[in-house]
Amino acid sequence: MRKIAYILIGIVVITFAAALHYALPQVDVVRIVGTDVKRVDTKENATTEGSDASIHTTDVYYILTETSEGKPKNYRNEDAFIYGKFDSSNLHTRARSIAQNEENLVAVRHYGWRLPIFSMFANAVKVWEVEPGYRHMPIFNILFLSLLAWGIGYAVWKIRSFRQRLSDRHRD
């Protein structure tokens, strides 16, 4: 029975860690080689009976980059409510402007994963020019994960002390 509990706890921890890795911002230092806009049509279900599904068209921006080793690394550029990003068009224009100079290195703050099998791209949140040799220090991630670890540790300590008090009462 304990093995099953440990397996379930392990699955929960791995799932939580994957969700954090997906959601927390990351920064890549790359060179912008271009930008792209693709028109995407999605079908929306009709709310009334007998009517056909309507088609909703949106533009999706992409930032096309490559690493210093020459490997392609592409990002989508969509508004993200959770990050307070509502300026995809402005970010697209800035990326396009930086792409004019082929030697500029940029730091791209993004979240998400690039999964080619699902045509899934990380979402760019911010782009800024950097000097060669730039290394980003993820201060937000360090603080967030430290506070999260402290909170989990505190919760475990409180639960253990509660269980200890409960077992002391049963003994008395």
Protein backbone atom coordinates (compact mmCIF):
# COMPACT_ATOMS: atom_id res chain seq x y z
CA MET A 1 0.00 0.00 0.00
CA ARG A 2 2.88 2.37 0.76
CA LYS A 3 4.40 1.73 -2.67
CA ILE A 4 1.18 2.84 -4.34
CA ALA A 5 1.10 5.98 -2.20
CA TYR A 6 4.71 6.77 -3.14
CA ILE A 7 3.95 6.20 -6.82
CA LEU A 8 0.91 8.51 -6.65
CA ILE A 9 2.93 11.18 -4.82
CA GLY A 10 5.66 10.83 -7.46
CA ILE A 11 3.14 11.29 -10.28
CA VAL A 12 1.70 14.38 -8.58
CA VAL A 13 5.19 15.87 -8.06
CA ILE A 14 6.24 15.20 -11.67
CA THR A 15 2.99 16.68 -13.00
CA PHE A 16 3.38 19.76 -10.78
CA ALA A 17 7.03 20.19 -11.83
CA ALA A 18 6.07 19.92 -15.52
CA ALA A 19 3.32 22.53 -15.04
CA LEU A 20 5.80 24.88 -13.37
CA HIS A 21 8.35 24.35 -16.15
CA TYR A 22 5.67 25.16 -18.72
CA ALA A 23 4.27 28.24 -16.94
CA LEU A 24 7.34 29.96 -15.49
CA PRO A 25 9.08 32.40 -17.82
CA GLN A 26 12.35 31.38 -19.45
CA VAL A 27 14.85 33.49 -21.40
CA ASP A 28 16.76 32.40 -24.51
CA VAL A 29 19.53 34.40 -26.18
CA VAL A 30 19.06 34.06 -29.94
CA ARG A 31 19.34 35.94 -33.22
CA ILE A 32 16.11 36.95 -34.99
CA VAL A 33 16.10 35.86 -38.63
CA GLY A 34 12.56 36.91 -39.46
CA THR A 35 8.95 37.25 -38.47
CA ASP A 36 5.79 35.75 -39.89
CA VAL A 37 2.03 36.22 -39.67
CA LYS A 38 -0.29 33.30 -40.33
CA ARG A 39 -4.04 33.48 -40.69
CA VAL A 40 -5.76 30.76 -38.67
CA ASP A 41 -9.38 29.72 -39.19
CA THR A 42 -11.20 27.99 -36.35
CA LYS A 43 -14.71 26.60 -36.41
CA GLU A 44 -17.03 27.68 -33.64
CA ASN A 45 -20.07 25.62 -32.77
CA ALA A 46 -23.35 27.29 -33.50
CA THR A 47 -25.58 27.97 -30.50
CA THR A 48 -28.88 27.58 -32.32
CA GLU A 49 -30.21 24.36 -33.76
CA GLY A 50 -30.01 23.87 -37.48
CA SER A 51 -27.39 26.56 -38.12
CA ASP A 52 -23.93 25.73 -39.37
CA ALA A 53 -20.77 26.31 -37.37
CA SER A 54 -19.25 29.73 -37.99
CA ILE A 55 -15.61 30.26 -38.90
CA HIS A 56 -13.53 32.63 -36.76
CA THR A 57 -10.34 33.99 -38.35
CA THR A 58 -7.38 35.28 -36.33
CA ASP A 59 -3.82 36.29 -37.12
CA VAL A 60 -1.04 34.51 -35.25
CA TYR A 61 2.37 36.16 -35.14
CA TYR A 62 5.59 34.14 -35.15
CA ILE A 63 9.15 35.18 -34.32
CA LEU A 64 11.70 33.09 -36.23
CA THR A 65 15.11 32.84 -34.56
CA GLU A 66 18.22 30.72 -34.42
CA THR A 67 20.64 29.93 -31.61
CA SER A 68 24.34 30.75 -31.71
CA GLU A 69 24.90 27.18 -32.97
CA GLY A 70 22.54 27.84 -35.91
CA LYS A 71 19.66 25.69 -34.65
CA PRO A 72 16.19 27.12 -35.40
CA LYS A 73 14.11 28.19 -32.41
CA ASN A 74 10.72 29.66 -33.23
CA TYR A 75 8.15 31.33 -30.98
CA ARG A 76 4.51 32.23 -31.41
CA ASN A 77 3.53 35.71 -30.34
CA GLU A 78 0.00 35.84 -28.94
CA ASP A 79 -1.62 37.88 -26.20
CA ALA A 80 -1.40 36.21 -22.80
CA PHE A 81 -3.78 37.39 -20.10
CA ILE A 82 -1.92 35.59 -17.30
CA TYR A 83 1.30 37.47 -18.18
CA GLY A 84 -0.44 40.79 -18.76
CA LYS A 85 0.63 40.77 -22.40
CA PHE A 86 -1.78 42.55 -24.73
CA ASP A 87 0.66 43.98 -27.28
CA SER A 88 1.44 41.14 -29.68
CA SER A 89 1.44 43.48 -32.64
CA ASN A 90 3.92 45.84 -30.97
CA LEU A 91 6.22 42.94 -30.05
CA HIS A 92 5.99 41.68 -33.64
CA THR A 93 6.98 45.13 -34.95
CA ARG A 94 9.90 45.34 -32.51
CA ALA A 95 11.12 41.86 -33.48
CA ARG A 96 10.82 42.75 -37.16
CA SER A 97 12.83 45.93 -36.59
CA ILE A 98 15.58 44.04 -34.76
CA ALA A 99 15.66 41.41 -37.54
CA GLN A 100 16.75 44.12 -40.02
CA ASN A 101 20.23 44.02 -38.45
CA GLU A 102 21.42 40.44 -38.88
CA GLU A 103 24.13 40.66 -36.19
CA ASN A 104 21.91 41.66 -33.25
CA LEU A 105 21.48 39.19 -30.43
CA VAL A 106 18.25 39.34 -28.48
CA ALA A 107 16.92 37.84 -25.29
CA VAL A 108 13.45 36.36 -25.72
CA ARG A 109 11.37 35.88 -22.57
CA HIS A 110 8.85 33.12 -23.19
CA TYR A 111 6.80 30.42 -21.56
CA GLY A 112 5.65 27.07 -22.84
CA TRP A 113 7.28 24.34 -24.85
CA ARG A 114 8.13 23.76 -28.47
CA LEU A 115 6.60 20.41 -29.42
CA PRO A 116 7.00 19.88 -33.19
CA ILE A 117 4.82 16.77 -33.22
CA PHE A 118 1.83 18.91 -32.14
CA SER A 119 2.94 22.09 -34.01
CA MET A 120 3.11 23.77 -30.59
CA PHE A 121 5.35 26.80 -30.00
CA ALA A 122 6.51 28.61 -26.88
CA ASN A 123 4.83 32.03 -26.56
CA ALA A 124 7.19 35.03 -26.62
CA VAL A 125 6.38 37.63 -23.98
CA LYS A 126 9.21 40.14 -24.38
CA VAL A 127 12.16 40.75 -26.71
CA TRP A 128 15.16 42.98 -26.00
CA GLU A 129 18.60 43.44 -27.52
CA VAL A 130 21.61 42.13 -25.58
CA GLU A 131 25.40 42.17 -25.88
CA PRO A 132 27.34 39.05 -26.92
CA GLY A 133 28.07 36.86 -23.89
CA TYR A 134 24.88 37.94 -22.06
CA ARG A 135 23.69 35.50 -19.38
CA HIS A 136 20.25 35.94 -17.89
CA MET A 137 19.69 35.52 -14.13
CA PRO A 138 16.10 34.27 -13.58
CA ILE A 139 15.47 36.23 -10.36
CA PHE A 140 11.67 35.88 -10.54
CA ASN A 141 11.90 32.10 -10.93
CA ILE A 142 14.40 31.83 -8.06
CA LEU A 143 12.19 33.86 -5.73
CA PHE A 144 8.99 32.07 -6.78
CA LEU A 145 10.47 28.59 -6.38
CA SER A 146 12.08 29.55 -3.04
CA LEU A 147 8.77 30.83 -1.69
CA LEU A 148 6.99 27.74 -3.01
CA ALA A 149 9.53 25.42 -1.35
CA TRP A 150 9.23 27.37 1.91
CA GLY A 151 5.42 27.15 1.76
CA ILE A 152 5.48 23.41 1.11
CA GLY A 153 8.01 22.90 3.89
CA TYR A 154 5.89 24.94 6.28
CA ALA A 155 2.74 22.99 5.35
CA VAL A 156 4.54 19.65 5.87
CA TRP A 157 5.86 20.87 9.26
CA LYS A 158 2.36 21.97 10.36
CA ILE A 159 0.81 18.67 9.25
CA ARG A 160 3.47 16.65 11.08
CA SER A 161 3.09 18.69 14.26
CA PHE A 162 -0.71 18.27 14.06
CA ARG A 163 -0.36 14.51 13.61
CA GLN A 164 2.10 14.40 16.53
CA ARG A 165 -0.33 16.26 18.80
CA LEU A 166 -3.14 13.94 17.68
CA SER A 167 -1.10 10.83 18.48
CA ASP A 168 -0.07 12.32 21.87
CA ARG A 169 -3.78 12.81 22.72
CA HIS A 170 -4.57 9.21 21.78
CA ARG A 171 -1.69 7.95 23.94
CA ASP A 172 -2.94 9.91 26.97
